[in-house]
Amino acid sequence: MLIDLLDAELPGRDFLMPGSTLPVRRARLDGSASLVRFPPGWARPERGHHLAGEEFVVLDGELNVSGVTYLPGHHGWVPAGALRHSCSAPRGALAFTSFAGTDTWVRSDLDEPDGPTLRTPLETVVIPRGGLRLTPHSALFDTPVPLDRPAEMITVASWTWERSTLIPEGRVLVRWTP
């Protein structure tokens, strides 16, 4: 099944993220993958971290996480234990998100990440032969190759999502379920 991630009619339910000021609209895609619509003015002033790493792609708007601004087409990886602060979506945002485990929020000032925090512009980053590893569970490819097991695929040019064993043409973010 092919899903248009930019579809204006986002199904799902409203959800108040711990420590945030306004509810977001979250629609589950498969497993831990979700689309999240952040309303204009959304903020999470509370400091803390998640017990699992989070991968996300901003599809529309602007998302600020710990002083880093993510714009449309930016891929983010925030490892488990990384301190989050000053999170906001001043004009709103739409993002694909997925956690590498249970997305438990812990209020804290500790900063003990299990790896580096990354921001990658998916449309312009140079992809080496064999793909570009982005997280422990994902990579960016620009060459169709068969996979040994199904994976989630986000085609960058069209912002579509599907589960498949064959990487389609173009730039494709491939995510294996942890």
C-alpha atoms as a PDB file:
ATOM      1  CA  MET A   1       0.000   0.000   0.000  1.00  0.00           C
ATOM      2  CA  LEU A   2       1.376   3.402  -1.065  1.00  0.00           C
ATOM      3  CA  ILE A   3       0.568   6.341   1.265  1.00  0.00           C
ATOM      4  CA  ASP A   4       0.921  10.010   0.287  1.00  0.00           C
ATOM      5  CA  LEU A   5       2.554  11.572   3.358  1.00  0.00           C
ATOM      6  CA  LEU A   6       1.499  15.077   2.303  1.00  0.00           C
ATOM      7  CA  ASP A   7      -2.199  14.199   2.153  1.00  0.00           C
ATOM      8  CA  ALA A   8      -4.008  17.147   3.744  1.00  0.00           C
ATOM      9  CA  GLU A   9      -6.596  14.896   5.417  1.00  0.00           C
ATOM     10  CA  LEU A  10      -4.536  13.433   8.236  1.00  0.00           C
ATOM     11  CA  PRO A  11      -6.493  10.738  10.041  1.00  0.00           C
ATOM     12  CA  GLY A  12      -5.610   9.792  13.565  1.00  0.00           C
ATOM     13  CA  ARG A  13      -6.216  11.259  16.958  1.00  0.00           C
ATOM     14  CA  ASP A  14      -5.175  14.268  18.999  1.00  0.00           C
ATOM     15  CA  PHE A  15      -2.431  13.496  21.476  1.00  0.00           C
ATOM     16  CA  LEU A  16      -0.804  15.668  24.138  1.00  0.00           C
ATOM     17  CA  MET A  17       2.909  14.878  24.207  1.00  0.00           C
ATOM     18  CA  PRO A  18       4.299  14.896  27.756  1.00  0.00           C
ATOM     19  CA  GLY A  19       5.629  18.330  28.693  1.00  0.00           C
ATOM     20  CA  SER A  20       4.091  20.081  25.686  1.00  0.00           C
ATOM     21  CA  THR A  21       1.651  22.984  25.465  1.00  0.00           C
ATOM     22  CA  LEU A  22      -0.789  21.883  22.723  1.00  0.00           C
ATOM     23  CA  PRO A  23      -1.986  18.525  21.419  1.00  0.00           C
ATOM     24  CA  VAL A  24      -0.635  17.199  18.114  1.00  0.00           C
ATOM     25  CA  ARG A  25      -2.517  15.027  15.615  1.00  0.00           C
ATOM     26  CA  ARG A  26      -0.893  11.578  15.286  1.00  0.00           C
ATOM     27  CA  ALA A  27      -1.738   8.978  12.640  1.00  0.00           C
ATOM     28  CA  ARG A  28      -0.070   5.553  12.930  1.00  0.00           C
ATOM     29  CA  LEU A  29       1.273   4.109   9.678  1.00  0.00           C
ATOM     30  CA  ASP A  30       2.789   0.777  10.713  1.00  0.00           C
ATOM     31  CA  GLY A  31       4.613  -0.402  13.814  1.00  0.00           C
ATOM     32  CA  SER A  32       6.237   2.638  15.420  1.00  0.00           C
ATOM     33  CA  ALA A  33       5.914   4.821  12.293  1.00  0.00           C
ATOM     34  CA  SER A  34       3.542   7.792  12.527  1.00  0.00           C
ATOM     35  CA  LEU A  35       2.661  11.055  10.862  1.00  0.00           C
ATOM     36  CA  VAL A  36       2.479  13.907  13.339  1.00  0.00           C
ATOM     37  CA  ARG A  37       0.911  17.310  12.651  1.00  0.00           C
ATOM     38  CA  PHE A  38       2.191  19.979  15.062  1.00  0.00           C
ATOM     39  CA  PRO A  39      -0.200  22.959  15.271  1.00  0.00           C
ATOM     40  CA  PRO A  40       1.145  26.522  14.978  1.00  0.00           C
ATOM     41  CA  GLY A  41       2.481  27.620  18.344  1.00  0.00           C
ATOM     42  CA  TRP A  42       3.181  24.076  19.596  1.00  0.00           C
ATOM     43  CA  ALA A  43       6.016  23.955  22.124  1.00  0.00           C
ATOM     44  CA  ARG A  44       7.591  21.571  24.600  1.00  0.00           C
ATOM     45  CA  PRO A  45       9.269  23.755  27.215  1.00  0.00           C
ATOM     46  CA  GLU A  46       9.922  20.790  29.506  1.00  0.00           C
ATOM     47  CA  ARG A  47      13.465  19.391  29.419  1.00  0.00           C
ATOM     48  CA  GLY A  48      13.954  15.647  29.162  1.00  0.00           C
ATOM     49  CA  HIS A  49      14.752  12.694  26.941  1.00  0.00           C
ATOM     50  CA  HIS A  50      13.189   9.576  25.422  1.00  0.00           C
ATOM     51  CA  LEU A  51      14.284   6.082  26.410  1.00  0.00           C
ATOM     52  CA  ALA A  52      14.459   5.160  22.693  1.00  0.00           C
ATOM     53  CA  GLY A  53      16.059   6.928  19.755  1.00  0.00           C
ATOM     54  CA  GLU A  54      13.739   8.913  17.477  1.00  0.00           C
ATOM     55  CA  GLU A  55      14.015   9.291  13.734  1.00  0.00           C
ATOM     56  CA  PHE A  56      11.946  11.910  11.917  1.00  0.00           C
ATOM     57  CA  VAL A  57      11.568  13.666   8.575  1.00  0.00           C
ATOM     58  CA  VAL A  58      10.026  17.130   8.416  1.00  0.00           C
ATOM     59  CA  LEU A  59       7.618  17.168   5.475  1.00  0.00           C
ATOM     60  CA  ASP A  60       6.149  20.641   5.925  1.00  0.00           C
ATOM     61  CA  GLY A  61       6.706  23.621   8.222  1.00  0.00           C
ATOM     62  CA  GLU A  62       9.500  24.041  10.740  1.00  0.00           C
ATOM     63  CA  LEU A  63      10.394  21.962  13.781  1.00  0.00           C
ATOM     64  CA  ASN A  64      12.927  23.139  16.385  1.00  0.00           C
ATOM     65  CA  VAL A  65      14.535  20.533  18.637  1.00  0.00           C
ATOM     66  CA  SER A  66      17.175  21.505  21.196  1.00  0.00           C
ATOM     67  CA  GLY A  67      18.253  24.604  19.283  1.00  0.00           C
ATOM     68  CA  VAL A  68      18.404  22.874  15.878  1.00  0.00           C
ATOM     69  CA  THR A  69      15.933  23.936  13.174  1.00  0.00           C
ATOM     70  CA  TYR A  70      14.600  21.226  10.858  1.00  0.00           C
ATOM     71  CA  LEU A  71      12.935  22.345   7.605  1.00  0.00           C
ATOM     72  CA  PRO A  72      11.063  20.373   4.907  1.00  0.00           C
ATOM     73  CA  GLY A  73      13.248  17.543   3.632  1.00  0.00           C
ATOM     74  CA  HIS A  74      15.444  17.425   6.736  1.00  0.00           C
ATOM     75  CA  HIS A  75      15.954  14.066   8.398  1.00  0.00           C
ATOM     76  CA  GLY A  76      16.633  14.037  12.120  1.00  0.00           C
ATOM     77  CA  TRP A  77      17.993  11.408  14.480  1.00  0.00           C
ATOM     78  CA  VAL A  78      17.920  12.028  18.240  1.00  0.00           C
ATOM     79  CA  PRO A  79      19.452   9.067  20.074  1.00  0.00           C
ATOM     80  CA  ALA A  80      18.049   7.574  23.267  1.00  0.00           C
ATOM     81  CA  GLY A  81      19.064   9.605  26.307  1.00  0.00           C
ATOM     82  CA  ALA A  82      19.816  12.821  24.380  1.00  0.00           C
ATOM     83  CA  LEU A  83      18.571  15.881  26.258  1.00  0.00           C
ATOM     84  CA  ARG A  84      15.747  17.708  24.506  1.00  0.00           C
ATOM     85  CA  HIS A  85      14.955  21.307  25.285  1.00  0.00           C
ATOM     86  CA  SER A  86      13.408  24.343  23.589  1.00  0.00           C
ATOM     87  CA  CYS A  87      11.275  22.242  21.201  1.00  0.00           C
ATOM     88  CA  SER A  88       8.737  24.127  19.084  1.00  0.00           C
ATOM     89  CA  ALA A  89       6.830  24.432  15.830  1.00  0.00           C
ATOM     90  CA  PRO A  90       6.157  28.194  15.623  1.00  0.00           C
ATOM     91  CA  ARG A  91       4.218  28.022  12.315  1.00  0.00           C
ATOM     92  CA  GLY A  92       3.263  24.356  12.645  1.00  0.00           C
ATOM     93  CA  ALA A  93       4.851  21.302  11.052  1.00  0.00           C
ATOM     94  CA  LEU A  94       4.107  17.901   9.556  1.00  0.00           C
ATOM     95  CA  ALA A  95       6.624  15.153  10.297  1.00  0.00           C
ATOM     96  CA  PHE A  96       7.099  11.426   9.774  1.00  0.00           C
ATOM     97  CA  THR A  97       8.337   9.988  13.084  1.00  0.00           C
ATOM     98  CA  SER A  98       9.478   6.623  14.362  1.00  0.00           C
ATOM     99  CA  PHE A  99      11.029   5.416  17.605  1.00  0.00           C
ATOM    100  CA  ALA A 100      13.555   2.591  17.927  1.00  0.00           C
ATOM    101  CA  GLY A 101      11.623   1.252  20.921  1.00  0.00           C
ATOM    102  CA  THR A 102       9.057   2.476  23.417  1.00  0.00           C
ATOM    103  CA  ASP A 103       8.720   6.271  23.238  1.00  0.00           C
ATOM    104  CA  THR A 104       8.761   6.812  27.005  1.00  0.00           C
ATOM    105  CA  TRP A 105       9.460  10.460  27.967  1.00  0.00           C
ATOM    106  CA  VAL A 106      11.595  11.123  31.062  1.00  0.00           C
ATOM    107  CA  ARG A 107      11.715  14.595  32.577  1.00  0.00           C
ATOM    108  CA  SER A 108      15.389  15.303  33.163  1.00  0.00           C
ATOM    109  CA  ASP A 109      18.394  17.558  32.642  1.00  0.00           C
ATOM    110  CA  LEU A 110      20.672  14.579  32.035  1.00  0.00           C
ATOM    111  CA  ASP A 111      22.326  14.220  28.644  1.00  0.00           C
ATOM    112  CA  GLU A 112      23.631  10.706  28.101  1.00  0.00           C
ATOM    113  CA  PRO A 113      22.901   9.938  24.435  1.00  0.00           C
ATOM    114  CA  ASP A 114      23.629   6.509  22.991  1.00  0.00           C
ATOM    115  CA  GLY A 115      25.040   8.147  19.844  1.00  0.00           C
ATOM    116  CA  PRO A 116      25.276  11.460  17.972  1.00  0.00           C
ATOM    117  CA  THR A 117      22.294  13.668  17.112  1.00  0.00           C
ATOM    118  CA  LEU A 118      22.127  14.234  13.344  1.00  0.00           C
ATOM    119  CA  ARG A 119      20.388  16.537  10.831  1.00  0.00           C
ATOM    120  CA  THR A 120      20.616  15.519   7.171  1.00  0.00           C
ATOM    121  CA  PRO A 121      19.070  17.291   4.134  1.00  0.00           C
ATOM    122  CA  LEU A 122      17.670  14.251   2.274  1.00  0.00           C
ATOM    123  CA  GLU A 123      17.277  16.005  -1.083  1.00  0.00           C
ATOM    124  CA  THR A 124      20.866  17.302  -1.361  1.00  0.00           C
ATOM    125  CA  VAL A 125      23.194  15.137   0.739  1.00  0.00           C
ATOM    126  CA  VAL A 126      25.779  13.150  -1.229  1.00  0.00           C
ATOM    127  CA  ILE A 127      25.002   9.428  -1.119  1.00  0.00           C
ATOM    128  CA  PRO A 128      28.052   7.147  -1.362  1.00  0.00           C
ATOM    129  CA  ARG A 129      27.946   3.881  -3.302  1.00  0.00           C
ATOM    130  CA  GLY A 130      26.004   1.367  -1.229  1.00  0.00           C
ATOM    131  CA  GLY A 131      23.876   3.998   0.527  1.00  0.00           C
ATOM    132  CA  LEU A 132      24.242   6.459   3.408  1.00  0.00           C
ATOM    133  CA  ARG A 133      23.608   5.068   6.904  1.00  0.00           C
ATOM    134  CA  LEU A 134      21.519   7.617   8.863  1.00  0.00           C
ATOM    135  CA  THR A 135      20.580   5.688  12.023  1.00  0.00           C
ATOM    136  CA  PRO A 136      21.112   2.166  13.358  1.00  0.00           C
ATOM    137  CA  HIS A 137      17.865   1.249  11.532  1.00  0.00           C
ATOM    138  CA  SER A 138      17.841   3.361   8.356  1.00  0.00           C
ATOM    139  CA  ALA A 139      19.808   4.392   5.278  1.00  0.00           C
ATOM    140  CA  LEU A 140      19.343   6.655   2.258  1.00  0.00           C
ATOM    141  CA  PHE A 141      19.696   5.076  -1.194  1.00  0.00           C
ATOM    142  CA  ASP A 142      19.583   6.378  -4.751  1.00  0.00           C
ATOM    143  CA  THR A 143      19.868   3.018  -6.518  1.00  0.00           C
ATOM    144  CA  PRO A 144      17.122   0.366  -6.674  1.00  0.00           C
ATOM    145  CA  VAL A 145      18.270  -2.810  -4.946  1.00  0.00           C
ATOM    146  CA  PRO A 146      16.379  -5.841  -3.615  1.00  0.00           C
ATOM    147  CA  LEU A 147      16.284  -6.359   0.153  1.00  0.00           C
ATOM    148  CA  ASP A 148      16.344  -9.632   2.093  1.00  0.00           C
ATOM    149  CA  ARG A 149      13.286  -8.598   4.139  1.00  0.00           C
ATOM    150  CA  PRO A 150      10.509  -5.986   3.873  1.00  0.00           C
ATOM    151  CA  ALA A 151      11.321  -2.458   5.002  1.00  0.00           C
ATOM    152  CA  GLU A 152       9.561   0.887   5.208  1.00  0.00           C
ATOM    153  CA  MET A 153      10.392   3.144   2.263  1.00  0.00           C
ATOM    154  CA  ILE A 154       9.943   6.894   1.975  1.00  0.00           C
ATOM    155  CA  THR A 155      10.478   8.148  -1.576  1.00  0.00           C
ATOM    156  CA  VAL A 156      11.943  11.639  -1.165  1.00  0.00           C
ATOM    157  CA  ALA A 157      10.770  13.282  -4.419  1.00  0.00           C
ATOM    158  CA  SER A 158       7.102  12.334  -3.942  1.00  0.00           C
ATOM    159  CA  TRP A 159       7.028  11.964  -0.110  1.00  0.00           C
ATOM    160  CA  THR A 160       5.256   8.623  -0.317  1.00  0.00           C
ATOM    161  CA  TRP A 161       5.544   5.749   2.152  1.00  0.00           C
ATOM    162  CA  GLU A 162       5.269   2.007   1.550  1.00  0.00           C
ATOM    163  CA  ARG A 163       6.498  -1.324   2.884  1.00  0.00           C
ATOM    164  CA  SER A 164       8.431  -3.301   0.261  1.00  0.00           C
ATOM    165  CA  THR A 165      11.401  -5.579  -0.472  1.00  0.00           C
ATOM    166  CA  LEU A 166      12.525  -3.566  -3.541  1.00  0.00           C
ATOM    167  CA  ILE A 167      13.870  -0.024  -3.298  1.00  0.00           C
ATOM    168  CA  PRO A 168      12.178   2.085  -6.008  1.00  0.00           C
ATOM    169  CA  GLU A 169      13.902   4.607  -8.332  1.00  0.00           C
ATOM    170  CA  GLY A 170      15.138   7.902  -6.907  1.00  0.00           C
ATOM    171  CA  ARG A 171      16.222   8.916  -3.415  1.00  0.00           C
ATOM    172  CA  VAL A 172      14.649   6.582  -0.890  1.00  0.00           C
ATOM    173  CA  LEU A 173      14.897   6.486   2.900  1.00  0.00           C
ATOM    174  CA  VAL A 174      14.796   2.826   3.910  1.00  0.00           C
ATOM    175  CA  ARG A 175      13.867   1.901   7.484  1.00  0.00           C
ATOM    176  CA  TRP A 176      14.140  -1.566   8.941  1.00  0.00           C
ATOM    177  CA  THR A 177      11.912  -2.261  11.939  1.00  0.00           C
ATOM    178  CA  PRO A 178      14.037  -2.612  15.081  1.00  0.00           C
END
